[in-house]
Amino acid sequence: MRVLVVTAVPAERDAVTRAFGDGPRIREVPGAELHLAGPFDVLAGGAGPAAAAAATACALAAASAPYAAVVSAGIGGGFAPAAPVGSLVVASSVVAADLGAETPDGFVPVTGLGFGRDTFLPPEALVRDVAEATGALPGTVLTVSTVTGSAARTAELLAAHPGAVAEAMEGFGVAEAAARFGVPALELRAVSNAVGPRDRAAWRIGDALAALTGAFGKTAPVVESWTRHDRIDRHRD
């Protein structure tokens, strides 16, 4: 069984496939290209949770065989000092941090309104093994539709989510689509900038993309081993 990887933009997709040397094989799926490299089928699904969910669902629906897992991958902002620029994070939980309602008493998450969910929990064993293989920091990765750009908003997010290590824009969308197909989801990010006041001059996108390449080279044997065990466990069930 193969693993689907969903990034936002082609630069992130190419960073993942670069871990496997020569150019990937390319297969067309509705609305996107799948780049096949190692055990991964990688697509750039677009920025934000809606585009990510749509792209993930299209790829899962078009698959000729079920995927073992789906990974939301790319670069993101890290919460200092836990996740410095250039480091890796792997989500122990994926949380939609701004899905809900503003009230006179503050923000209420969608679950507090009596709807849906705002959190997905990736498989603990897979998170642990990826963290050990890559040196990634496990923790909560927040999905936001608007990237944080102020110290005040950073403080609000950390007060609401004390275990947060990073924010990005796609993880929850990928996890939501994967859950509809009964496929486990993971999120792996390389930190390109600190969450906080927006300072493009301090971003290190090239370094983060290089770290992402290295991470997927180390993740491949973990995922291949995990999918083999997963197949055995499903057969036993």
C-alpha atoms as a PDB file:
ATOM      1  CA  MET A   1       0.000   0.000   0.000  1.00  0.00           C
ATOM      2  CA  ARG A   2       1.188   3.492  -0.846  1.00  0.00           C
ATOM      3  CA  VAL A   3       0.952   6.735   1.114  1.00  0.00           C
ATOM      4  CA  LEU A   4      -0.621   9.924  -0.217  1.00  0.00           C
ATOM      5  CA  VAL A   5       1.217  13.161   0.593  1.00  0.00           C
ATOM      6  CA  VAL A   6      -0.590  16.486   0.144  1.00  0.00           C
ATOM      7  CA  THR A   7       1.308  19.787   0.066  1.00  0.00           C
ATOM      8  CA  ALA A   8       0.038  23.281  -0.635  1.00  0.00           C
ATOM      9  CA  VAL A   9       2.396  24.352  -3.421  1.00  0.00           C
ATOM     10  CA  PRO A  10       4.647  22.700  -6.024  1.00  0.00           C
ATOM     11  CA  ALA A  11       7.840  23.799  -4.231  1.00  0.00           C
ATOM     12  CA  GLU A  12       6.828  21.699  -1.212  1.00  0.00           C
ATOM     13  CA  ARG A  13       5.784  18.778  -3.401  1.00  0.00           C
ATOM     14  CA  ASP A  14       9.136  18.852  -5.177  1.00  0.00           C
ATOM     15  CA  ALA A  15      10.999  19.020  -1.863  1.00  0.00           C
ATOM     16  CA  VAL A  16       9.325  15.762  -0.838  1.00  0.00           C
ATOM     17  CA  THR A  17      10.037  13.931  -4.097  1.00  0.00           C
ATOM     18  CA  ARG A  18      13.642  15.225  -4.179  1.00  0.00           C
ATOM     19  CA  ALA A  19      14.424  12.820  -1.360  1.00  0.00           C
ATOM     20  CA  PHE A  20      14.230   9.970  -3.874  1.00  0.00           C
ATOM     21  CA  GLY A  21      16.681  11.121  -6.536  1.00  0.00           C
ATOM     22  CA  ASP A  22      15.633  11.067 -10.155  1.00  0.00           C
ATOM     23  CA  GLY A  23      12.483  12.823 -11.295  1.00  0.00           C
ATOM     24  CA  PRO A  24       9.220  11.238 -10.143  1.00  0.00           C
ATOM     25  CA  ARG A  25       6.751   9.462 -12.352  1.00  0.00           C
ATOM     26  CA  ILE A  26       3.658  11.591 -12.936  1.00  0.00           C
ATOM     27  CA  ARG A  27       0.058  10.424 -13.033  1.00  0.00           C
ATOM     28  CA  GLU A  28      -2.962  12.611 -13.682  1.00  0.00           C
ATOM     29  CA  VAL A  29      -5.848  12.628 -11.213  1.00  0.00           C
ATOM     30  CA  PRO A  30      -8.920  14.872 -11.273  1.00  0.00           C
ATOM     31  CA  GLY A  31      -7.722  18.423 -10.750  1.00  0.00           C
ATOM     32  CA  ALA A  32      -4.079  17.614 -10.041  1.00  0.00           C
ATOM     33  CA  GLU A  33      -0.918  15.686 -10.845  1.00  0.00           C
ATOM     34  CA  LEU A  34       0.357  12.898  -8.621  1.00  0.00           C
ATOM     35  CA  HIS A  35       4.143  12.730  -8.437  1.00  0.00           C
ATOM     36  CA  LEU A  36       5.185   9.166  -7.517  1.00  0.00           C
ATOM     37  CA  ALA A  37       8.444   8.853  -5.580  1.00  0.00           C
ATOM     38  CA  GLY A  38       9.507   6.096  -3.180  1.00  0.00           C
ATOM     39  CA  PRO A  39       6.442   4.898  -1.251  1.00  0.00           C
ATOM     40  CA  PHE A  40       4.705   8.261  -1.703  1.00  0.00           C
ATOM     41  CA  ASP A  41       2.187   9.709  -4.168  1.00  0.00           C
ATOM     42  CA  VAL A  42       2.626  13.467  -3.783  1.00  0.00           C
ATOM     43  CA  LEU A  43       0.332  16.254  -4.962  1.00  0.00           C
ATOM     44  CA  ALA A  44       0.222  20.028  -4.560  1.00  0.00           C
ATOM     45  CA  GLY A  45      -3.380  20.604  -3.577  1.00  0.00           C
ATOM     46  CA  GLY A  46      -3.461  24.361  -3.017  1.00  0.00           C
ATOM     47  CA  ALA A  47      -3.302  26.681  -0.011  1.00  0.00           C
ATOM     48  CA  GLY A  48      -5.787  26.568   2.826  1.00  0.00           C
ATOM     49  CA  PRO A  49      -7.982  23.880   4.393  1.00  0.00           C
ATOM     50  CA  ALA A  50     -10.726  23.926   1.744  1.00  0.00           C
ATOM     51  CA  ALA A  51      -8.363  23.394  -1.203  1.00  0.00           C
ATOM     52  CA  ALA A  52      -6.439  20.766   0.756  1.00  0.00           C
ATOM     53  CA  ALA A  53      -9.603  18.851   1.640  1.00  0.00           C
ATOM     54  CA  ALA A  54     -10.872  18.939  -1.939  1.00  0.00           C
ATOM     55  CA  ALA A  55      -7.561  17.785  -3.423  1.00  0.00           C
ATOM     56  CA  THR A  56      -7.193  15.018  -0.855  1.00  0.00           C
ATOM     57  CA  ALA A  57     -10.726  13.752  -1.447  1.00  0.00           C
ATOM     58  CA  CYS A  58     -10.244  13.758  -5.227  1.00  0.00           C
ATOM     59  CA  ALA A  59      -7.022  11.756  -4.969  1.00  0.00           C
ATOM     60  CA  LEU A  60      -8.503   9.258  -2.523  1.00  0.00           C
ATOM     61  CA  ALA A  61     -11.598   8.782  -4.677  1.00  0.00           C
ATOM     62  CA  ALA A  62      -9.510   8.267  -7.820  1.00  0.00           C
ATOM     63  CA  ALA A  63      -7.120   5.749  -6.255  1.00  0.00           C
ATOM     64  CA  SER A  64      -7.087   2.304  -7.828  1.00  0.00           C
ATOM     65  CA  ALA A  65      -6.182   0.795  -4.444  1.00  0.00           C
ATOM     66  CA  PRO A  66      -6.697   2.146  -0.919  1.00  0.00           C
ATOM     67  CA  TYR A  67      -3.937   4.295   0.571  1.00  0.00           C
ATOM     68  CA  ALA A  68      -2.384   3.215   3.857  1.00  0.00           C
ATOM     69  CA  ALA A  69      -2.203   6.795   5.134  1.00  0.00           C
ATOM     70  CA  VAL A  70      -2.337  10.436   4.096  1.00  0.00           C
ATOM     71  CA  VAL A  71       0.319  12.971   5.118  1.00  0.00           C
ATOM     72  CA  SER A  72      -0.160  16.724   5.134  1.00  0.00           C
ATOM     73  CA  ALA A  73       3.327  18.095   4.525  1.00  0.00           C
ATOM     74  CA  GLY A  74       5.137  21.331   3.858  1.00  0.00           C
ATOM     75  CA  ILE A  75       6.593  24.309   5.623  1.00  0.00           C
ATOM     76  CA  GLY A  76       4.957  26.265   8.412  1.00  0.00           C
ATOM     77  CA  GLY A  77       5.409  28.646  11.279  1.00  0.00           C
ATOM     78  CA  GLY A  78       6.908  27.438  14.545  1.00  0.00           C
ATOM     79  CA  PHE A  79       6.045  28.643  18.029  1.00  0.00           C
ATOM     80  CA  ALA A  80       9.246  29.839  19.714  1.00  0.00           C
ATOM     81  CA  PRO A  81      11.162  28.614  21.556  1.00  0.00           C
ATOM     82  CA  ALA A  82       9.784  25.087  21.150  1.00  0.00           C
ATOM     83  CA  ALA A  83      10.087  24.897  17.352  1.00  0.00           C
ATOM     84  CA  PRO A  84      12.869  27.126  15.991  1.00  0.00           C
ATOM     85  CA  VAL A  85      13.361  27.954  12.328  1.00  0.00           C
ATOM     86  CA  GLY A  86      14.833  24.982  10.468  1.00  0.00           C
ATOM     87  CA  SER A  87      13.404  22.387  12.849  1.00  0.00           C
ATOM     88  CA  LEU A  88      10.812  19.710  12.120  1.00  0.00           C
ATOM     89  CA  VAL A  89       7.480  19.096  13.828  1.00  0.00           C
ATOM     90  CA  VAL A  90       5.094  16.157  13.608  1.00  0.00           C
ATOM     91  CA  ALA A  91       1.515  16.559  14.743  1.00  0.00           C
ATOM     92  CA  SER A  92       0.363  14.557  17.736  1.00  0.00           C
ATOM     93  CA  SER A  93      -2.917  16.415  17.194  1.00  0.00           C
ATOM     94  CA  VAL A  94      -4.221  18.488  14.296  1.00  0.00           C
ATOM     95  CA  VAL A  95      -6.472  21.318  15.458  1.00  0.00           C
ATOM     96  CA  ALA A  96      -8.619  23.780  13.502  1.00  0.00           C
ATOM     97  CA  ALA A  97      -7.698  26.806  15.577  1.00  0.00           C
ATOM     98  CA  ASP A  98     -10.031  29.373  14.011  1.00  0.00           C
ATOM     99  CA  LEU A  99     -13.060  27.217  13.169  1.00  0.00           C
ATOM    100  CA  GLY A 100     -15.861  28.521  15.356  1.00  0.00           C
ATOM    101  CA  ALA A 101     -17.440  31.823  16.372  1.00  0.00           C
ATOM    102  CA  GLU A 102     -16.447  35.081  18.014  1.00  0.00           C
ATOM    103  CA  THR A 103     -18.650  35.968  20.990  1.00  0.00           C
ATOM    104  CA  PRO A 104     -18.642  38.800  23.561  1.00  0.00           C
ATOM    105  CA  ASP A 105     -16.817  36.375  25.853  1.00  0.00           C
ATOM    106  CA  GLY A 106     -14.215  35.408  23.270  1.00  0.00           C
ATOM    107  CA  PHE A 107     -13.726  32.682  20.687  1.00  0.00           C
ATOM    108  CA  VAL A 108     -15.861  29.540  20.860  1.00  0.00           C
ATOM    109  CA  PRO A 109     -14.629  26.521  18.858  1.00  0.00           C
ATOM    110  CA  VAL A 110     -17.007  24.740  16.521  1.00  0.00           C
ATOM    111  CA  THR A 111     -17.401  21.912  19.034  1.00  0.00           C
ATOM    112  CA  GLY A 112     -18.611  24.433  21.619  1.00  0.00           C
ATOM    113  CA  LEU A 113     -21.308  25.438  19.170  1.00  0.00           C
ATOM    114  CA  GLY A 114     -22.510  21.847  18.966  1.00  0.00           C
ATOM    115  CA  PHE A 115     -21.180  21.108  15.476  1.00  0.00           C
ATOM    116  CA  GLY A 116     -18.645  18.676  14.052  1.00  0.00           C
ATOM    117  CA  ARG A 117     -15.124  18.474  15.413  1.00  0.00           C
ATOM    118  CA  ASP A 118     -12.015  20.588  15.578  1.00  0.00           C
ATOM    119  CA  THR A 119      -9.330  17.994  16.334  1.00  0.00           C
ATOM    120  CA  PHE A 120      -7.853  14.906  14.701  1.00  0.00           C
ATOM    121  CA  LEU A 121      -5.385  12.572  16.412  1.00  0.00           C
ATOM    122  CA  PRO A 122      -2.872  10.827  14.125  1.00  0.00           C
ATOM    123  CA  PRO A 123      -1.851   7.255  15.043  1.00  0.00           C
ATOM    124  CA  GLU A 124       0.333   7.481  18.154  1.00  0.00           C
ATOM    125  CA  ALA A 125       2.770   4.792  17.034  1.00  0.00           C
ATOM    126  CA  LEU A 126       3.318   6.450  13.657  1.00  0.00           C
ATOM    127  CA  VAL A 127       3.872   9.861  15.261  1.00  0.00           C
ATOM    128  CA  ARG A 128       6.387   8.349  17.667  1.00  0.00           C
ATOM    129  CA  ASP A 129       8.278   6.471  14.965  1.00  0.00           C
ATOM    130  CA  VAL A 130       8.438   9.457  12.607  1.00  0.00           C
ATOM    131  CA  ALA A 131       9.619  11.682  15.444  1.00  0.00           C
ATOM    132  CA  GLU A 132      12.373   9.227  16.347  1.00  0.00           C
ATOM    133  CA  ALA A 133      13.499   8.798  12.736  1.00  0.00           C
ATOM    134  CA  THR A 134      13.546  12.483  11.822  1.00  0.00           C
ATOM    135  CA  GLY A 135      14.159  14.290  15.100  1.00  0.00           C
ATOM    136  CA  ALA A 136      10.827  16.069  14.658  1.00  0.00           C
ATOM    137  CA  LEU A 137       9.177  17.566  17.714  1.00  0.00           C
ATOM    138  CA  PRO A 138       5.760  16.025  18.433  1.00  0.00           C
ATOM    139  CA  GLY A 139       3.004  18.422  19.414  1.00  0.00           C
ATOM    140  CA  THR A 140      -0.177  20.135  18.355  1.00  0.00           C
ATOM    141  CA  VAL A 141      -0.107  21.650  14.874  1.00  0.00           C
ATOM    142  CA  LEU A 142      -2.750  24.315  14.383  1.00  0.00           C
ATOM    143  CA  THR A 143      -4.601  24.786  11.107  1.00  0.00           C
ATOM    144  CA  VAL A 144      -5.453  28.434  10.441  1.00  0.00           C
ATOM    145  CA  SER A 145      -7.160  30.128   7.524  1.00  0.00           C
ATOM    146  CA  THR A 146      -5.348  33.386   8.293  1.00  0.00           C
ATOM    147  CA  VAL A 147      -1.644  33.155   9.084  1.00  0.00           C
ATOM    148  CA  THR A 148      -0.704  34.744  12.402  1.00  0.00           C
ATOM    149  CA  GLY A 149       1.000  38.120  12.072  1.00  0.00           C
ATOM    150  CA  SER A 150       1.036  39.715  15.517  1.00  0.00           C
ATOM    151  CA  ALA A 151       2.330  39.060  19.011  1.00  0.00           C
ATOM    152  CA  ALA A 152      -1.184  39.451  20.408  1.00  0.00           C
ATOM    153  CA  ARG A 153      -2.630  36.738  18.177  1.00  0.00           C
ATOM    154  CA  THR A 154       0.326  34.468  18.948  1.00  0.00           C
ATOM    155  CA  ALA A 155      -0.380  34.845  22.663  1.00  0.00           C
ATOM    156  CA  GLU A 156      -4.083  34.104  22.101  1.00  0.00           C
ATOM    157  CA  LEU A 157      -3.295  30.892  20.226  1.00  0.00           C
ATOM    158  CA  LEU A 158      -0.834  29.676  22.852  1.00  0.00           C
ATOM    159  CA  ALA A 159      -3.292  30.460  25.644  1.00  0.00           C
ATOM    160  CA  ALA A 160      -5.966  28.416  23.878  1.00  0.00           C
ATOM    161  CA  HIS A 161      -3.583  25.648  22.774  1.00  0.00           C
ATOM    162  CA  PRO A 162      -0.672  25.377  25.248  1.00  0.00           C
ATOM    163  CA  GLY A 163       0.759  22.333  23.453  1.00  0.00           C
ATOM    164  CA  ALA A 164       0.963  24.037  20.053  1.00  0.00           C
ATOM    165  CA  VAL A 165       4.331  23.764  18.311  1.00  0.00           C
ATOM    166  CA  ALA A 166       3.449  25.074  14.838  1.00  0.00           C
ATOM    167  CA  GLU A 167       0.759  26.494  12.582  1.00  0.00           C
ATOM    168  CA  ALA A 168      -0.005  25.881   8.924  1.00  0.00           C
ATOM    169  CA  MET A 169      -3.032  26.142   6.647  1.00  0.00           C
ATOM    170  CA  GLU A 170      -3.845  22.657   5.360  1.00  0.00           C
ATOM    171  CA  GLY A 171      -3.550  19.908   7.971  1.00  0.00           C
ATOM    172  CA  PHE A 172      -7.119  19.885   9.230  1.00  0.00           C
ATOM    173  CA  GLY A 173      -8.524  19.870   5.698  1.00  0.00           C
ATOM    174  CA  VAL A 174      -6.365  16.902   4.749  1.00  0.00           C
ATOM    175  CA  ALA A 175      -7.307  15.047   7.936  1.00  0.00           C
ATOM    176  CA  GLU A 176     -11.021  15.752   7.464  1.00  0.00           C
ATOM    177  CA  ALA A 177     -10.995  14.323   3.938  1.00  0.00           C
ATOM    178  CA  ALA A 178      -8.921  11.323   4.986  1.00  0.00           C
ATOM    179  CA  ALA A 179     -11.328  10.547   7.819  1.00  0.00           C
ATOM    180  CA  ARG A 180     -14.255  10.454   5.361  1.00  0.00           C
ATOM    181  CA  PHE A 181     -12.413   7.640   3.553  1.00  0.00           C
ATOM    182  CA  GLY A 182     -11.367   5.835   6.735  1.00  0.00           C
ATOM    183  CA  VAL A 183      -7.674   6.541   6.136  1.00  0.00           C
ATOM    184  CA  PRO A 184      -5.350   7.674   8.974  1.00  0.00           C
ATOM    185  CA  ALA A 185      -3.698  11.072   8.589  1.00  0.00           C
ATOM    186  CA  LEU A 186      -0.381  12.543   9.709  1.00  0.00           C
ATOM    187  CA  GLU A 187       1.072  16.065   9.508  1.00  0.00           C
ATOM    188  CA  LEU A 188       4.802  16.732   9.095  1.00  0.00           C
ATOM    189  CA  ARG A 189       6.172  20.284   8.826  1.00  0.00           C
ATOM    190  CA  ALA A 190       9.512  22.024   8.479  1.00  0.00           C
ATOM    191  CA  VAL A 191       9.621  25.395  10.226  1.00  0.00           C
ATOM    192  CA  SER A 192      10.368  28.308   7.907  1.00  0.00           C
ATOM    193  CA  ASN A 193       9.516  31.183  10.241  1.00  0.00           C
ATOM    194  CA  ALA A 194       8.526  32.018  13.782  1.00  0.00           C
ATOM    195  CA  VAL A 195       4.840  32.510  14.505  1.00  0.00           C
ATOM    196  CA  GLY A 196       4.372  36.152  15.415  1.00  0.00           C
ATOM    197  CA  PRO A 197       4.852  39.604  13.898  1.00  0.00           C
ATOM    198  CA  ARG A 198       5.236  39.164  10.153  1.00  0.00           C
ATOM    199  CA  ASP A 199       8.875  39.576   9.092  1.00  0.00           C
ATOM    200  CA  ARG A 200       9.513  38.131   5.638  1.00  0.00           C
ATOM    201  CA  ALA A 201      13.208  39.003   5.837  1.00  0.00           C
ATOM    202  CA  ALA A 202      13.596  36.507   8.682  1.00  0.00           C
ATOM    203  CA  TRP A 203      11.926  33.617   6.866  1.00  0.00           C
ATOM    204  CA  ARG A 204      14.160  30.737   5.784  1.00  0.00           C
ATOM    205  CA  ILE A 205      12.061  28.996   3.157  1.00  0.00           C
ATOM    206  CA  GLY A 206      15.014  27.378   1.366  1.00  0.00           C
ATOM    207  CA  ASP A 207      16.352  25.923   4.605  1.00  0.00           C
ATOM    208  CA  ALA A 208      12.896  24.627   5.531  1.00  0.00           C
ATOM    209  CA  LEU A 209      12.407  22.967   2.151  1.00  0.00           C
ATOM    210  CA  ALA A 210      15.816  21.292   2.488  1.00  0.00           C
ATOM    211  CA  ALA A 211      14.812  20.044   5.937  1.00  0.00           C
ATOM    212  CA  LEU A 212      11.565  18.700   4.465  1.00  0.00           C
ATOM    213  CA  THR A 213      13.528  16.740   1.861  1.00  0.00           C
ATOM    214  CA  GLY A 214      15.720  15.216   4.539  1.00  0.00           C
ATOM    215  CA  ALA A 215      12.724  14.364   6.680  1.00  0.00           C
ATOM    216  CA  PHE A 216      10.973  12.406   3.936  1.00  0.00           C
ATOM    217  CA  GLY A 217      14.125  10.474   3.128  1.00  0.00           C
ATOM    218  CA  LYS A 218      14.131   9.313   6.755  1.00  0.00           C
ATOM    219  CA  THR A 219      10.364   8.865   6.917  1.00  0.00           C
ATOM    220  CA  ALA A 220      10.134   6.481   3.956  1.00  0.00           C
ATOM    221  CA  PRO A 221      11.400   3.336   5.773  1.00  0.00           C
ATOM    222  CA  VAL A 222       9.221   4.169   8.787  1.00  0.00           C
ATOM    223  CA  VAL A 223       6.107   4.469   6.646  1.00  0.00           C
ATOM    224  CA  GLU A 224       6.913   1.349   4.636  1.00  0.00           C
ATOM    225  CA  SER A 225       7.347  -0.662   7.838  1.00  0.00           C
ATOM    226  CA  TRP A 226       4.204   0.834   9.354  1.00  0.00           C
ATOM    227  CA  THR A 227       2.075   0.047   6.292  1.00  0.00           C
ATOM    228  CA  ARG A 228       3.266  -3.560   6.344  1.00  0.00           C
ATOM    229  CA  HIS A 229       2.277  -3.910   9.998  1.00  0.00           C
ATOM    230  CA  ASP A 230      -1.003  -2.116   9.282  1.00  0.00           C
ATOM    231  CA  ARG A 231      -1.836  -4.624   6.551  1.00  0.00           C
ATOM    232  CA  ILE A 232      -1.099  -7.504   8.922  1.00  0.00           C
ATOM    233  CA  ASP A 233      -3.255  -5.954  11.656  1.00  0.00           C
ATOM    234  CA  ARG A 234      -6.162  -5.391   9.263  1.00  0.00           C
ATOM    235  CA  HIS A 235      -5.924  -8.985   8.064  1.00  0.00           C
ATOM    236  CA  ARG A 236      -6.031 -10.240  11.653  1.00  0.00           C
ATOM    237  CA  ASP A 237      -9.096  -8.117  12.342  1.00  0.00           C
END
